[in-house]
Protein backbone atom coordinates (compact mmCIF):
# COMPACT_ATOMS: atom_id res chain seq x y z
CA MET A 1 -6.19 -18.30 -5.32
CA SER A 2 -7.96 -21.67 -5.48
CA LEU A 3 -11.10 -21.76 -3.31
CA SER A 4 -12.95 -24.95 -2.39
CA ILE A 5 -16.63 -25.49 -1.66
CA LEU A 6 -17.91 -27.35 1.40
CA MET A 7 -21.30 -29.04 0.92
CA VAL A 8 -23.24 -30.34 3.93
CA ASP A 9 -26.31 -32.58 3.62
CA ASP A 10 -27.41 -35.67 5.50
CA ASP A 11 -28.82 -37.16 2.27
CA ARG A 12 -26.09 -39.11 0.46
CA GLN A 13 -27.78 -38.88 -2.97
CA VAL A 14 -28.21 -35.09 -2.71
CA ARG A 15 -24.56 -34.74 -1.73
CA ALA A 16 -23.42 -36.89 -4.67
CA ALA A 17 -25.60 -35.01 -7.18
CA GLY A 18 -24.46 -31.59 -5.93
CA LYS A 19 -20.81 -32.60 -5.93
CA GLN A 20 -21.03 -33.93 -9.49
CA THR A 21 -22.81 -30.78 -10.74
CA LEU A 22 -20.23 -28.44 -9.26
CA GLU A 23 -17.21 -30.52 -10.27
CA LEU A 24 -18.47 -30.62 -13.87
CA ALA A 25 -18.53 -26.80 -13.66
CA GLY A 26 -14.86 -26.84 -12.67
CA TYR A 27 -15.12 -26.36 -8.91
CA SER A 28 -13.37 -28.23 -6.10
CA VAL A 29 -15.94 -29.71 -3.70
CA ALA A 30 -15.71 -31.45 -0.32
CA CYS A 31 -18.79 -33.08 1.22
CA CYS A 32 -19.85 -34.15 4.71
CA ASP A 33 -23.07 -35.46 6.24
CA SER A 34 -23.30 -33.40 9.46
CA ALA A 35 -22.88 -29.88 10.75
CA GLU A 36 -20.44 -31.08 13.42
CA GLN A 37 -18.13 -32.56 10.77
CA ALA A 38 -18.45 -29.42 8.62
CA LEU A 39 -17.21 -27.20 11.46
CA LYS A 40 -14.07 -29.35 11.74
CA MET A 41 -13.44 -29.04 7.98
CA LEU A 42 -13.89 -25.26 7.68
CA ASN A 43 -10.68 -23.34 6.99
CA ARG A 44 -9.56 -20.07 5.40
CA ASP A 45 -9.37 -21.68 1.94
CA CYS A 46 -13.10 -22.42 1.99
CA GLY A 47 -14.78 -20.30 -0.67
CA ALA A 48 -18.41 -21.07 0.15
CA LEU A 49 -20.48 -23.23 2.49
CA ILE A 50 -23.59 -24.97 1.09
CA THR A 51 -25.77 -26.45 3.82
CA ASP A 52 -29.12 -28.19 4.11
CA VAL A 53 -31.47 -26.58 6.64
CA ARG A 54 -32.96 -29.68 8.25
CA MET A 55 -30.34 -32.01 9.70
CA PRO A 56 -30.25 -34.12 12.88
CA ARG A 57 -28.54 -32.75 16.05
CA MET A 58 -27.42 -29.38 14.57
CA ASP A 59 -29.50 -27.78 11.82
CA GLY A 60 -28.33 -25.45 9.05
CA PHE A 61 -29.17 -22.26 10.96
CA ALA A 62 -27.01 -23.27 13.92
CA LEU A 63 -24.21 -24.28 11.54
CA MET A 64 -24.42 -20.93 9.75
CA GLU A 65 -24.23 -19.03 13.04
CA LYS A 66 -21.11 -20.92 14.15
CA ALA A 67 -19.48 -20.71 10.70
CA LEU A 68 -20.03 -16.94 10.48
CA ALA A 69 -18.65 -16.54 14.00
CA MET A 70 -15.46 -18.20 12.71
CA ASP A 71 -15.38 -16.17 9.47
CA PRO A 72 -17.97 -13.37 9.07
CA ASP A 73 -17.16 -13.00 5.34
CA LEU A 74 -17.86 -16.65 4.42
CA PRO A 75 -20.73 -16.95 1.88
CA VAL A 76 -23.30 -19.43 3.23
CA ILE A 77 -25.82 -20.87 0.79
CA MET A 78 -28.79 -22.52 2.48
CA VAL A 79 -30.74 -25.31 0.73
CA THR A 80 -34.05 -26.87 1.81
CA GLY A 81 -36.93 -28.89 0.45
CA HIS A 82 -39.32 -27.50 3.05
CA GLY A 83 -38.88 -23.79 2.57
CA ASP A 84 -41.27 -20.90 2.78
CA VAL A 85 -41.01 -17.13 2.73
CA SER A 86 -40.48 -16.80 6.48
CA MET A 87 -37.62 -19.33 6.42
CA ALA A 88 -35.95 -17.51 3.52
CA VAL A 89 -36.24 -14.18 5.35
CA ARG A 90 -34.80 -15.75 8.50
CA ALA A 91 -31.86 -17.16 6.52
CA ILE A 92 -31.00 -13.86 4.82
CA ARG A 93 -31.34 -11.90 8.06
CA GLY A 94 -29.11 -14.46 9.75
CA GLY A 95 -26.34 -13.72 7.26
CA ALA A 96 -26.91 -16.26 4.47
CA TYR A 97 -25.59 -15.31 1.04
CA ASP A 98 -28.53 -16.99 -0.71
CA PHE A 99 -31.42 -19.39 -0.16
CA ILE A 100 -32.26 -22.21 -2.65
CA GLU A 101 -35.33 -24.46 -2.58
CA LYS A 102 -35.19 -28.14 -3.61
CA PRO A 103 -35.55 -29.41 -6.21
CA TYR A 104 -33.43 -26.91 -8.13
CA PRO A 105 -32.02 -26.91 -11.68
CA SER A 106 -28.27 -27.55 -11.75
CA GLU A 107 -27.64 -24.17 -13.42
CA ILE A 108 -29.22 -22.37 -10.41
CA LEU A 109 -26.76 -24.03 -8.05
CA VAL A 110 -23.77 -23.34 -10.33
CA ASP A 111 -24.74 -19.69 -10.87
CA THR A 112 -25.25 -19.08 -7.14
CA VAL A 113 -21.90 -20.67 -6.30
CA ARG A 114 -20.16 -18.67 -9.02
CA ARG A 115 -21.46 -15.38 -7.62
CA ALA A 116 -20.61 -16.41 -4.07
CA LEU A 117 -17.04 -17.31 -5.03
CA GLU A 118 -16.55 -14.03 -6.91
CA ARG A 119 -17.58 -12.15 -3.80
CA ARG A 120 -15.39 -14.35 -1.60
CA GLN A 121 -12.42 -13.84 -3.92
CA LEU A 122 -12.77 -10.06 -3.72
CA VAL A 123 -13.13 -10.11 0.09
CA MET A 124 -10.05 -12.30 0.53
CA GLU A 125 -7.98 -10.18 -1.87
CA ASN A 126 -8.93 -7.07 0.09
CA ARG A 127 -8.14 -8.85 3.35
CA GLN A 128 -4.70 -9.90 2.10
CA LEU A 129 -3.95 -6.41 0.80
CA LYS A 130 -4.87 -4.95 4.20
CA GLU A 131 -2.58 -7.45 5.90
CA GLN A 132 0.24 -6.56 3.51
CA LEU A 133 -0.42 -2.88 4.11
CA SER A 134 -0.27 -3.42 7.87
CA ASP A 135 2.94 -5.46 7.58
CA ALA A 136 4.55 -2.87 5.32
CA GLY A 137 4.05 -0.09 7.87
CA GLU A 138 4.14 3.62 7.27
CA THR A 139 7.74 3.66 5.98
CA ALA A 140 7.37 1.10 3.20
CA ILE A 141 9.06 2.06 -0.07
CA ILE A 142 6.58 0.84 -2.70
CA GLY A 143 7.76 -0.09 -6.20
CA ARG A 144 9.40 -2.74 -8.38
CA THR A 145 11.39 -0.63 -10.85
CA ALA A 146 15.19 -0.81 -10.89
CA ALA A 147 15.50 2.73 -9.49
CA ILE A 148 13.34 1.90 -6.46
CA GLU A 149 15.13 -1.42 -5.88
CA ARG A 150 18.43 0.47 -5.89
CA MET A 151 17.04 3.02 -3.45
CA ARG A 152 15.93 0.26 -1.06
CA THR A 153 19.38 -1.33 -1.34
CA ILE A 154 21.10 1.94 -0.41
CA ILE A 155 18.75 2.51 2.54
CA ALA A 156 19.39 -1.02 3.85
CA ALA A 157 23.16 -0.57 3.43
CA VAL A 158 23.47 2.73 5.31
CA ALA A 159 20.56 2.65 7.78
CA GLU A 160 22.53 1.01 10.60
CA THR A 161 25.48 3.39 10.16
CA ASP A 162 25.75 6.98 11.40
CA ALA A 163 26.45 8.36 7.92
CA ASP A 164 24.59 11.58 7.14
CA VAL A 165 22.38 11.33 4.05
CA LEU A 166 21.30 13.81 1.38
CA VAL A 167 17.96 12.97 -0.28
CA MET A 168 17.20 14.62 -3.60
CA GLY A 169 13.88 14.56 -5.39
CA GLU A 170 11.12 16.69 -6.86
CA THR A 171 8.26 17.99 -4.75
CA GLY A 172 5.91 15.17 -3.75
CA THR A 173 8.28 12.26 -4.45
CA GLY A 174 8.45 11.16 -0.80
CA LYS A 175 11.67 12.55 0.62
CA GLU A 176 10.41 12.44 4.21
CA LEU A 177 9.29 8.84 3.69
CA VAL A 178 12.88 7.92 2.77
CA ALA A 179 14.18 9.76 5.84
CA ARG A 180 11.72 7.92 8.09
CA ALA A 181 12.68 4.59 6.50
CA LEU A 182 16.34 5.31 7.31
CA HIS A 183 15.35 6.11 10.90
CA GLN A 184 13.11 3.05 11.35
CA GLN A 185 15.77 0.67 10.02
CA SER A 186 18.51 2.14 12.22
CA CYS A 187 19.50 1.53 15.84
CA ARG A 188 18.09 5.01 16.56
CA ARG A 189 14.50 3.91 15.89
CA LYS A 190 13.54 4.02 19.60
CA HIS A 191 14.47 7.70 19.82
CA GLN A 192 13.05 10.86 18.26
CA PHE A 193 12.61 11.50 14.55
CA VAL A 194 12.55 15.31 14.36
CA ALA A 195 11.47 16.91 11.09
CA LEU A 196 11.97 20.57 10.21
CA ASN A 197 10.93 22.24 6.96
CA CYS A 198 13.57 24.90 6.37
CA GLY A 199 11.37 26.66 3.82
CA ALA A 200 8.46 27.11 6.23
CA LEU A 201 10.23 29.00 9.04
CA PRO A 202 10.64 32.81 9.12
CA GLU A 203 14.33 33.74 9.22
CA SER A 204 13.77 35.70 12.46
CA ILE A 205 13.03 32.55 14.50
CA PHE A 206 15.11 30.05 12.51
CA GLU A 207 18.15 30.11 14.79
CA SER A 208 16.12 29.81 17.98
CA GLU A 209 14.07 26.95 16.51
CA LEU A 210 17.18 24.98 15.54
CA PHE A 211 19.58 25.75 18.38
CA GLY A 212 17.29 26.76 21.24
CA HIS A 213 17.77 29.70 23.61
CA GLU A 214 18.37 30.62 27.22
CA PRO A 215 15.87 32.68 29.29
CA GLY A 216 16.20 36.42 28.79
CA THR A 217 18.03 36.11 25.47
CA PHE A 218 15.41 38.28 23.78
CA THR A 219 12.02 39.81 24.56
CA GLY A 220 9.54 37.04 25.30
CA ALA A 221 12.20 34.40 26.10
CA ALA A 222 10.92 33.67 29.61
CA LYS A 223 12.42 30.20 29.94
CA ARG A 224 14.98 27.94 28.34
CA ARG A 225 13.92 26.39 25.05
CA VAL A 226 15.42 23.17 23.71
CA GLY A 227 16.10 23.51 19.98
CA ARG A 228 15.21 20.91 17.36
CA ILE A 229 18.82 19.71 17.11
CA GLU A 230 19.15 19.01 20.83
CA TYR A 231 15.65 17.47 20.91
CA ALA A 232 16.78 14.99 18.22
CA ASN A 233 19.67 13.76 20.44
CA LYS A 234 20.13 9.97 20.02
CA GLY A 235 17.69 10.05 17.11
CA THR A 236 17.41 11.50 13.60
CA LEU A 237 17.14 15.13 12.48
CA PHE A 238 15.43 15.63 9.11
CA LEU A 239 16.07 18.99 7.44
CA ASP A 240 13.65 19.29 4.53
CA GLU A 241 14.14 21.93 1.80
CA ILE A 242 17.60 22.65 3.16
CA GLU A 243 18.28 24.81 0.10
CA SER A 244 16.00 27.40 1.79
CA MET A 245 18.22 27.71 4.89
CA PRO A 246 19.65 31.26 5.26
CA LEU A 247 23.36 31.44 4.42
CA PRO A 248 24.42 32.78 7.88
CA LEU A 249 22.81 29.75 9.55
CA GLN A 250 24.49 27.34 7.15
CA VAL A 251 27.81 28.13 8.87
CA LYS A 252 26.40 27.05 12.24
CA ILE A 253 24.89 23.89 10.76
CA LEU A 254 28.26 23.06 9.22
CA ARG A 255 29.94 23.41 12.61
CA MET A 256 27.28 21.22 14.26
CA LEU A 257 27.80 18.53 11.62
CA GLN A 258 31.56 18.57 12.07
CA GLU A 259 31.74 18.78 15.88
CA ARG A 260 28.33 17.39 16.93
CA VAL A 261 27.71 20.22 19.42
CA VAL A 262 25.14 23.02 19.62
CA GLU A 263 25.38 26.43 21.30
CA PRO A 264 21.94 27.74 22.33
CA LEU A 265 21.31 31.47 21.89
CA GLY A 266 22.44 33.38 24.98
CA SER A 267 24.69 30.56 26.20
CA ASN A 268 28.45 30.17 26.21
CA GLU A 269 28.33 26.43 26.80
CA MET A 270 28.40 23.78 24.10
CA VAL A 271 25.85 20.99 24.32
CA PRO A 272 27.03 17.71 22.76
CA VAL A 273 24.55 15.91 20.52
CA ASP A 274 24.53 12.40 19.08
CA LEU A 275 22.32 12.25 16.02
CA ARG A 276 22.08 11.43 12.35
CA VAL A 277 21.22 14.21 9.94
CA VAL A 278 19.15 13.55 6.85
CA ALA A 279 18.81 16.59 4.60
CA ALA A 280 16.46 16.85 1.62
CA THR A 281 16.39 19.12 -1.39
CA LYS A 282 14.42 19.49 -4.61
CA ILE A 283 17.27 21.26 -6.45
CA SER A 284 20.89 20.47 -7.22
CA LEU A 285 22.90 21.78 -4.24
CA LYS A 286 26.03 21.51 -6.34
CA THR A 287 24.58 23.96 -8.86
CA ALA A 288 23.26 26.18 -6.06
CA SER A 289 26.72 26.28 -4.43
CA ALA A 290 28.36 27.16 -7.77
CA GLU A 291 25.90 30.07 -8.06
CA GLY A 292 26.62 31.25 -4.51
CA ARG A 293 23.15 30.32 -3.17
CA PHE A 294 24.39 27.48 -0.96
CA ARG A 295 27.67 26.96 0.89
CA GLU A 296 29.93 24.60 -1.02
CA ASP A 297 31.58 23.24 2.16
CA LEU A 298 28.15 22.42 3.63
CA TYR A 299 27.13 20.68 0.39
CA TYR A 300 30.16 18.39 0.52
CA ARG A 301 29.67 17.79 4.26
CA LEU A 302 26.04 16.77 3.76
CA ASN A 303 26.68 14.68 0.66
CA VAL A 304 28.19 11.65 2.42
CA VAL A 305 25.50 9.43 0.90
CA MET A 306 23.18 10.65 -1.87
CA ILE A 307 19.77 9.06 -2.42
CA HIS A 308 17.96 10.21 -5.54
CA ILE A 309 14.19 9.62 -5.72
CA PRO A 310 12.99 9.39 -9.33
CA PRO A 311 9.76 11.22 -10.27
CA LEU A 312 6.72 9.12 -11.13
CA ARG A 313 6.99 9.91 -14.84
CA GLU A 314 10.30 8.01 -14.85
CA ARG A 315 8.85 4.94 -13.12
CA ARG A 316 5.35 4.61 -14.51
CA GLU A 317 5.41 0.84 -14.04
CA ASP A 318 5.15 1.51 -10.28
CA VAL A 319 2.05 3.70 -10.61
CA PRO A 320 -0.60 0.90 -10.47
CA LEU A 321 1.08 -0.72 -7.46
CA LEU A 322 1.42 2.61 -5.63
CA PHE A 323 -2.14 3.57 -6.49
CA GLN A 324 -3.46 0.26 -5.15
CA HIS A 325 -1.45 0.84 -1.95
CA PHE A 326 -3.01 4.28 -1.47
CA VAL A 327 -6.50 2.97 -2.31
CA MET A 328 -6.22 0.36 0.46
CA LYS A 329 -5.05 3.00 2.95
CA ALA A 330 -7.85 5.37 1.93
CA ALA A 331 -10.49 2.61 2.11
CA THR A 332 -9.37 1.75 5.64
CA ARG A 333 -9.30 5.41 6.67
CA TYR A 334 -12.75 6.23 5.26
CA GLY A 335 -14.39 2.90 6.12
CA ARG A 336 -15.20 2.15 2.47
CA GLU A 337 -14.84 -0.93 0.28
CA PRO A 338 -11.94 -0.37 -2.13
CA PRO A 339 -13.27 0.07 -5.70
CA LYS A 340 -11.99 -2.29 -8.39
CA LEU A 341 -9.47 -0.80 -10.81
CA THR A 342 -10.72 -1.30 -14.38
CA PRO A 343 -8.47 -1.48 -17.48
CA HIS A 344 -9.78 1.95 -18.52
CA ALA A 345 -8.83 3.46 -15.16
CA LEU A 346 -5.46 1.71 -15.31
CA HIS A 347 -4.81 3.25 -18.71
CA ARG A 348 -5.59 6.73 -17.36
CA LEU A 349 -3.21 6.12 -14.44
CA THR A 350 -0.28 5.08 -16.59
CA SER A 351 -0.76 7.64 -19.37
CA TYR A 352 -0.73 10.68 -17.06
CA SER A 353 2.55 12.48 -16.27
CA TRP A 354 1.83 13.03 -12.51
CA PRO A 355 3.63 16.39 -12.15
CA GLY A 356 2.73 16.34 -8.44
CA ASN A 357 4.33 12.90 -8.11
CA VAL A 358 3.34 10.54 -5.26
CA ARG A 359 1.46 13.25 -3.39
CA GLU A 360 -0.81 13.86 -6.39
CA LEU A 361 -1.29 10.10 -6.88
CA LYS A 362 -2.34 9.72 -3.23
CA ASN A 363 -4.93 12.48 -3.62
CA ALA A 364 -6.31 10.76 -6.74
CA ALA A 365 -6.61 7.50 -4.77
CA ASP A 366 -8.56 9.29 -2.04
CA ARG A 367 -11.01 10.72 -4.60
CA PHE A 368 -11.32 7.29 -6.23
CA VAL A 369 -12.29 5.66 -2.92
CA LEU A 370 -14.72 8.46 -2.06
CA GLY A 371 -16.41 8.08 -5.45
CA LEU A 372 -15.90 11.71 -6.45
CA GLY A 373 -15.94 12.63 -10.13
CA ASP A 374 -15.42 10.06 -12.85
CA GLU A 375 -14.43 6.42 -12.59
CA LEU A 376 -10.95 7.72 -11.86
CA ASP A 377 -10.75 11.44 -11.20
CA ILE A 378 -7.33 12.67 -12.29
CA GLN A 379 -7.46 16.43 -12.03
CA ALA A 380 -6.97 18.29 -15.26
CA GLY A 381 -3.31 18.81 -15.95
CA GLU A 382 -1.14 19.24 -18.96
CA PRO A 383 -0.96 16.20 -21.29
CA VAL A 384 1.98 13.87 -20.92
CA SER A 385 4.98 15.78 -22.08
CA GLY A 386 8.60 14.81 -22.30
CA GLY A 387 9.60 11.21 -22.91
CA ARG A 388 6.47 10.53 -24.97
CA LEU A 389 6.19 6.85 -25.87
CA THR A 390 5.57 5.55 -29.38
CA LEU A 391 2.28 3.72 -30.04
CA PRO A 392 3.87 0.21 -29.81
CA GLU A 393 5.63 1.27 -26.58
CA GLN A 394 2.36 2.55 -25.13
CA VAL A 395 0.60 -0.71 -26.05
CA ASP A 396 3.37 -2.79 -24.44
CA PHE A 397 3.39 -0.59 -21.36
CA PHE A 398 -0.39 -0.87 -20.97
CA GLU A 399 -0.32 -4.67 -21.45
CA LYS A 400 2.46 -5.02 -18.91
CA SER A 401 0.59 -2.89 -16.37
CA VAL A 402 -2.63 -4.92 -16.78
CA ILE A 403 -0.79 -8.26 -16.48
CA GLU A 404 1.23 -7.16 -13.44
CA ASN A 405 -1.91 -5.80 -11.78
CA GLU A 406 -3.75 -9.13 -12.22
CA LEU A 407 -0.71 -11.12 -11.05
CA ALA A 408 -0.55 -8.95 -7.93
CA LEU A 409 -4.27 -9.44 -7.26
CA HIS A 410 -3.92 -13.24 -7.57
CA GLN A 411 -0.57 -13.50 -5.72
CA GLY A 412 1.20 -14.85 -8.80
CA ASN A 413 -1.35 -17.65 -9.44
CA VAL A 414 -1.04 -18.20 -13.19
CA LYS A 415 -4.29 -20.15 -13.59
CA ALA A 416 -6.36 -17.46 -11.86
CA THR A 417 -4.57 -14.67 -13.73
CA VAL A 418 -5.11 -16.30 -17.14
CA GLU A 419 -8.81 -16.78 -16.36
CA ALA A 420 -9.15 -13.15 -15.27
CA LEU A 421 -7.41 -11.89 -18.41
CA GLY A 422 -9.41 -14.19 -20.68
CA ILE A 423 -6.45 -15.26 -22.81
CA PRO A 424 -4.92 -18.70 -23.58
CA ARG A 425 -2.09 -19.83 -21.30
CA LYS A 426 0.38 -19.97 -24.22
CA THR A 427 -0.44 -16.37 -25.18
CA PHE A 428 0.01 -15.37 -21.55
CA TYR A 429 3.48 -16.94 -21.34
CA ASP A 430 4.47 -15.40 -24.69
CA LYS A 431 3.54 -11.98 -23.31
CA LEU A 432 5.48 -12.60 -20.08
CA ARG A 433 8.63 -13.36 -22.08
CA ARG A 434 8.19 -10.40 -24.42
CA LEU A 435 7.40 -7.90 -21.65
CA GLY A 436 10.01 -9.17 -19.19
CA VAL A 437 7.51 -10.12 -16.45
CA THR A 438 8.16 -12.97 -14.01
CA ALA A 439 5.10 -14.48 -12.30
CA ASP A 440 7.20 -15.73 -9.35
CA ASP A 441 7.91 -12.12 -8.34
CA PHE A 442 4.26 -11.75 -7.30
CA ARG A 443 4.01 -14.86 -5.10
């Protein structure tokens, strides 16, 4: 991200000297001779505002007040040849980033601008990430690996249809997130999304919870209850951990799937329902049906479309991106500034096996934002096991993660990324080719 500097001074020689100093340091500078003109030139690409205090018509304090009203995060550097302690205090209290007295050595100006731009860069990156997070919504499927791209493709292809879907994945991989994404991208999005964890309900109330009941059906049934299936009419019913559903109830679910009707307990009338069913499991239902633990006919009825969510250990390239996503959400939730992810922390992220998958990663992001424990507090777990990488593979993986993280932070800007990495441009492009990274993917 290329940020420019706006310099305001009614003295032409001061403007020329300041512009030359900053341009020799590699910065882009625009100058004007009045506060009124400066306000017209301010835009979101402005990295810092340098203003003289004493100017005709509108002075530097009035300019700073108006500029900060337009953009509260804009660093304002105030310069004066008539300063004193009280003026400096007034400037800082008014929101100035720094206060410089004339005459000043050129290195003082350059150093102050450098620090101001670093702060501005961080603020704007955080602002853009928050905007992206807001745009992505709660059902965003985060990741760039081939497996996640394929999953997004399948969701987009079947979302607008009424096809029932079976989602398979380990605990914590985000099965409900996939179900909600299917719902939000479908024509049913304006109706209910009803989630039921089949493993969390006692068998004694399972049937009533799913199908509902009429008054007087059993002791305590004082009035009619609408079951989860009927409540999901026109919308989506999500049955999580369906492998835990009692076998006798699986027959009734099979009938509901085939005929799209429910029969509440104590009733002889069928209630038609129009819904999509998304079922989720952490085990192979095919294996469970072969072992007699799950009805084979229900398995084949549910398995119209299968979506498999890979565990994090099989898509470690997505870990930094996912972690950054959760850090931004946690920072917003807790009202904290998101901490910067260092190469050391990045290495810890990508070298851990994440047995708890996305859920465990999210918890680590929360601790990171709250500043609990170490620089990055990954709870003690077994070392990475299974699929261990060789040393050259680990080095390549780490390099790729660092490069992709910097490209994401700088929205694919090669110049800014190369500067942040501190490597020659040719070396950078050589690494892109060797690691299979495309800078355009991050723009």
